[in-house]
Each structure stands twice: as structure tokens, then as C-alpha cells.
Amino acid sequence: MALFFDRDWFDARLAERAISRDVLAAVSGISPTELDDVFKDQRELSVAEVAAFAELLGVTPAEIAHHAGVSTPVPGQDAGARIVALETRVAALETELQRLTAWVRSRSS
């Protein structure tokens, strides 16, 4: 993954498609000022913005994420597996909380 926003790569993709940064901002649902912050590496793209960039530039979301240096999840990754893993962790935490609550109550009596 890139450690910074690769402005040159994005400008080259925009030029290939004859698209301005203003169009990229509009399609992504952000202002030109916000896009300038992205290009200056002062603002990270959201998952939705990664998806919009990818669609407009005709590349994969993973490629956008790589060149944008983002740490947000890439659209299309297995969200279902992440949800299952989180639900499993929450269930384990709830079980532990119940155990600890019972233990604290037994000590308070």
C-alpha cells in the first residue's frame, strides 16, 4: 500500500480520460476544496469515495486505495466475513460480561 497520496498517478489517470479534478470531486460527492486536501495528502478518502474514484477512472477499488494510501476498507472486500467475525467477538464479549457480572454479584452478597 502506498504511504501517501500519489497525485501524479491520479492526474495521469484523469488526463487519460480527459476528466478534470472538478468532475472527480463532483462524482465523488466532495467539494473541490476537499479534493484538493486529498491531493495534498491532508484528507483520507472514505470507502464510498474510493468506490467513486474507481468507477470514474476505470480501475479497481484496490488500485485506488493503493495509490491513495488509504487505510479504509476497500469496497468489494468480504464484508460478510468481517461482519461474522465482529458478531462472534461481540458474542464472546457479552458472554464474558455476563460471567463477570455474576462474579461481582456473588462477591457483593
C-alpha atoms as a PDB file:
ATOM      1  CA  MET A   1       0.000   0.000   0.000  1.00  0.00           C
ATOM      2  CA  ALA A   2       1.229   3.467  -0.791  1.00  0.00           C
ATOM      3  CA  LEU A   3       2.134   5.547   2.216  1.00  0.00           C
ATOM      4  CA  PHE A   4       0.943   8.761   0.625  1.00  0.00           C
ATOM      5  CA  PHE A   5      -1.482  10.027  -1.983  1.00  0.00           C
ATOM      6  CA  ASP A   6       0.079   9.515  -5.427  1.00  0.00           C
ATOM      7  CA  ARG A   7      -1.031  12.774  -7.051  1.00  0.00           C
ATOM      8  CA  ASP A   8       0.920  12.108 -10.269  1.00  0.00           C
ATOM      9  CA  TRP A   9      -0.759   8.736 -10.775  1.00  0.00           C
ATOM     10  CA  PHE A  10      -4.223  10.229 -10.275  1.00  0.00           C
ATOM     11  CA  ASP A  11      -3.510  13.201 -12.542  1.00  0.00           C
ATOM     12  CA  ALA A  12      -2.298  10.792 -15.252  1.00  0.00           C
ATOM     13  CA  ARG A  13      -5.487   8.676 -14.981  1.00  0.00           C
ATOM     14  CA  LEU A  14      -7.614  11.838 -15.138  1.00  0.00           C
ATOM     15  CA  ALA A  15      -5.682  13.071 -18.200  1.00  0.00           C
ATOM     16  CA  GLU A  16      -6.101   9.695 -19.949  1.00  0.00           C
ATOM     17  CA  ARG A  17      -9.855  10.065 -19.616  1.00  0.00           C
ATOM     18  CA  ALA A  18      -9.924  13.846 -20.186  1.00  0.00           C
ATOM     19  CA  ILE A  19     -11.557  14.354 -16.799  1.00  0.00           C
ATOM     20  CA  SER A  20     -10.916  17.369 -14.596  1.00  0.00           C
ATOM     21  CA  ARG A  21     -10.409  17.261 -10.858  1.00  0.00           C
ATOM     22  CA  ASP A  22     -13.681  19.195 -10.503  1.00  0.00           C
ATOM     23  CA  VAL A  23     -15.546  16.344 -12.214  1.00  0.00           C
ATOM     24  CA  LEU A  24     -13.803  13.821  -9.952  1.00  0.00           C
ATOM     25  CA  ALA A  25     -14.875  15.853  -6.914  1.00  0.00           C
ATOM     26  CA  ALA A  26     -18.467  16.128  -8.104  1.00  0.00           C
ATOM     27  CA  VAL A  27     -18.782  12.426  -8.914  1.00  0.00           C
ATOM     28  CA  SER A  28     -17.273  11.574  -5.525  1.00  0.00           C
ATOM     29  CA  GLY A  29     -19.685  13.850  -3.679  1.00  0.00           C
ATOM     30  CA  ILE A  30     -16.973  16.092  -2.244  1.00  0.00           C
ATOM     31  CA  SER A  31     -16.128  19.727  -2.827  1.00  0.00           C
ATOM     32  CA  PRO A  32     -13.156  20.808  -4.940  1.00  0.00           C
ATOM     33  CA  THR A  33     -11.570  22.087  -1.713  1.00  0.00           C
ATOM     34  CA  GLU A  34     -11.938  18.665  -0.092  1.00  0.00           C
ATOM     35  CA  LEU A  35     -10.452  17.057  -3.200  1.00  0.00           C
ATOM     36  CA  ASP A  36      -7.517  19.470  -3.028  1.00  0.00           C
ATOM     37  CA  ASP A  37      -6.959  18.281   0.545  1.00  0.00           C
ATOM     38  CA  VAL A  38      -6.990  14.683  -0.697  1.00  0.00           C
ATOM     39  CA  PHE A  39      -4.433  15.503  -3.408  1.00  0.00           C
ATOM     40  CA  LYS A  40      -2.257  17.292  -0.800  1.00  0.00           C
ATOM     41  CA  ASP A  41      -2.478  14.165   1.381  1.00  0.00           C
ATOM     42  CA  GLN A  42      -4.282  16.114   4.104  1.00  0.00           C
ATOM     43  CA  ARG A  43      -7.526  14.126   3.938  1.00  0.00           C
ATOM     44  CA  GLU A  44      -8.114  10.403   3.537  1.00  0.00           C
ATOM     45  CA  LEU A  45     -10.691   9.006   1.151  1.00  0.00           C
ATOM     46  CA  SER A  46     -13.747   7.235   2.526  1.00  0.00           C
ATOM     47  CA  VAL A  47     -14.848   3.825   1.273  1.00  0.00           C
ATOM     48  CA  ALA A  48     -17.568   5.457  -0.844  1.00  0.00           C
ATOM     49  CA  GLU A  49     -15.062   7.897  -2.336  1.00  0.00           C
ATOM     50  CA  VAL A  50     -12.658   5.055  -3.179  1.00  0.00           C
ATOM     51  CA  ALA A  51     -15.524   3.324  -4.994  1.00  0.00           C
ATOM     52  CA  ALA A  52     -16.459   6.511  -6.882  1.00  0.00           C
ATOM     53  CA  PHE A  53     -12.848   7.179  -7.905  1.00  0.00           C
ATOM     54  CA  ALA A  54     -12.509   3.583  -9.132  1.00  0.00           C
ATOM     55  CA  GLU A  55     -15.663   3.700 -11.208  1.00  0.00           C
ATOM     56  CA  LEU A  56     -14.803   7.037 -12.797  1.00  0.00           C
ATOM     57  CA  LEU A  57     -11.173   6.122 -13.512  1.00  0.00           C
ATOM     58  CA  GLY A  58     -11.947   2.597 -14.714  1.00  0.00           C
ATOM     59  CA  VAL A  59      -9.701   0.794 -12.234  1.00  0.00           C
ATOM     60  CA  THR A  60     -10.308  -1.441  -9.241  1.00  0.00           C
ATOM     61  CA  PRO A  61     -11.055  -0.033  -5.802  1.00  0.00           C
ATOM     62  CA  ALA A  62      -7.935  -1.833  -4.565  1.00  0.00           C
ATOM     63  CA  GLU A  63      -5.806   0.101  -7.077  1.00  0.00           C
ATOM     64  CA  ILE A  64      -7.360   3.392  -5.949  1.00  0.00           C
ATOM     65  CA  ALA A  65      -6.744   2.506  -2.304  1.00  0.00           C
ATOM     66  CA  HIS A  66      -3.144   1.609  -3.079  1.00  0.00           C
ATOM     67  CA  HIS A  67      -2.383   4.883  -4.876  1.00  0.00           C
ATOM     68  CA  ALA A  68      -4.376   6.932  -2.363  1.00  0.00           C
ATOM     69  CA  GLY A  69      -2.541   5.448   0.604  1.00  0.00           C
ATOM     70  CA  VAL A  70      -5.789   4.877   2.435  1.00  0.00           C
ATOM     71  CA  SER A  71      -6.333   2.630   5.393  1.00  0.00           C
ATOM     72  CA  THR A  72     -10.100   2.429   4.922  1.00  0.00           C
ATOM     73  CA  PRO A  73     -11.539  -0.909   3.841  1.00  0.00           C
ATOM     74  CA  VAL A  74     -11.642  -1.346   0.103  1.00  0.00           C
ATOM     75  CA  PRO A  75     -15.133  -1.783  -1.383  1.00  0.00           C
ATOM     76  CA  GLY A  76     -15.669  -5.328  -2.506  1.00  0.00           C
ATOM     77  CA  GLN A  77     -13.638  -6.924   0.251  1.00  0.00           C
ATOM     78  CA  ASP A  78     -15.557  -9.649   2.010  1.00  0.00           C
ATOM     79  CA  ALA A  79     -17.769  -7.505   4.229  1.00  0.00           C
ATOM     80  CA  GLY A  80     -19.819 -10.561   5.200  1.00  0.00           C
ATOM     81  CA  ALA A  81     -16.782 -12.267   6.717  1.00  0.00           C
ATOM     82  CA  ARG A  82     -15.892  -9.102   8.650  1.00  0.00           C
ATOM     83  CA  ILE A  83     -19.452  -8.892   9.994  1.00  0.00           C
ATOM     84  CA  VAL A  84     -19.431 -12.531  11.086  1.00  0.00           C
ATOM     85  CA  ALA A  85     -16.075 -12.029  12.820  1.00  0.00           C
ATOM     86  CA  LEU A  86     -17.360  -8.929  14.608  1.00  0.00           C
ATOM     87  CA  GLU A  87     -20.569 -10.661  15.662  1.00  0.00           C
ATOM     88  CA  THR A  88     -18.514 -13.542  17.052  1.00  0.00           C
ATOM     89  CA  ARG A  89     -16.345 -11.119  19.031  1.00  0.00           C
ATOM     90  CA  VAL A  90     -19.395  -9.281  20.369  1.00  0.00           C
ATOM     91  CA  ALA A  91     -21.000 -12.568  21.455  1.00  0.00           C
ATOM     92  CA  ALA A  92     -17.793 -13.562  23.265  1.00  0.00           C
ATOM     93  CA  LEU A  93     -17.647 -10.172  24.991  1.00  0.00           C
ATOM     94  CA  GLU A  94     -21.286 -10.431  26.049  1.00  0.00           C
ATOM     95  CA  THR A  95     -20.647 -13.894  27.492  1.00  0.00           C
ATOM     96  CA  GLU A  96     -17.620 -12.617  29.401  1.00  0.00           C
ATOM     97  CA  LEU A  97     -19.584  -9.618  30.656  1.00  0.00           C
ATOM     98  CA  GLN A  98     -22.315 -11.918  31.956  1.00  0.00           C
ATOM     99  CA  ARG A  99     -19.707 -14.089  33.693  1.00  0.00           C
ATOM    100  CA  LEU A 100     -18.046 -11.061  35.298  1.00  0.00           C
ATOM    101  CA  THR A 101     -21.391  -9.588  36.344  1.00  0.00           C
ATOM    102  CA  ALA A 102     -22.337 -12.847  38.029  1.00  0.00           C
ATOM    103  CA  TRP A 103     -18.944 -12.980  39.750  1.00  0.00           C
ATOM    104  CA  VAL A 104     -19.261  -9.389  41.031  1.00  0.00           C
ATOM    105  CA  ARG A 105     -22.800 -10.100  42.317  1.00  0.00           C
ATOM    106  CA  SER A 106     -21.598 -13.221  44.124  1.00  0.00           C
ATOM    107  CA  ARG A 107     -18.875 -11.164  45.859  1.00  0.00           C
ATOM    108  CA  SER A 108     -21.324  -8.420  46.848  1.00  0.00           C
ATOM    109  CA  SER A 109     -23.697 -10.744  48.714  1.00  0.00           C
END
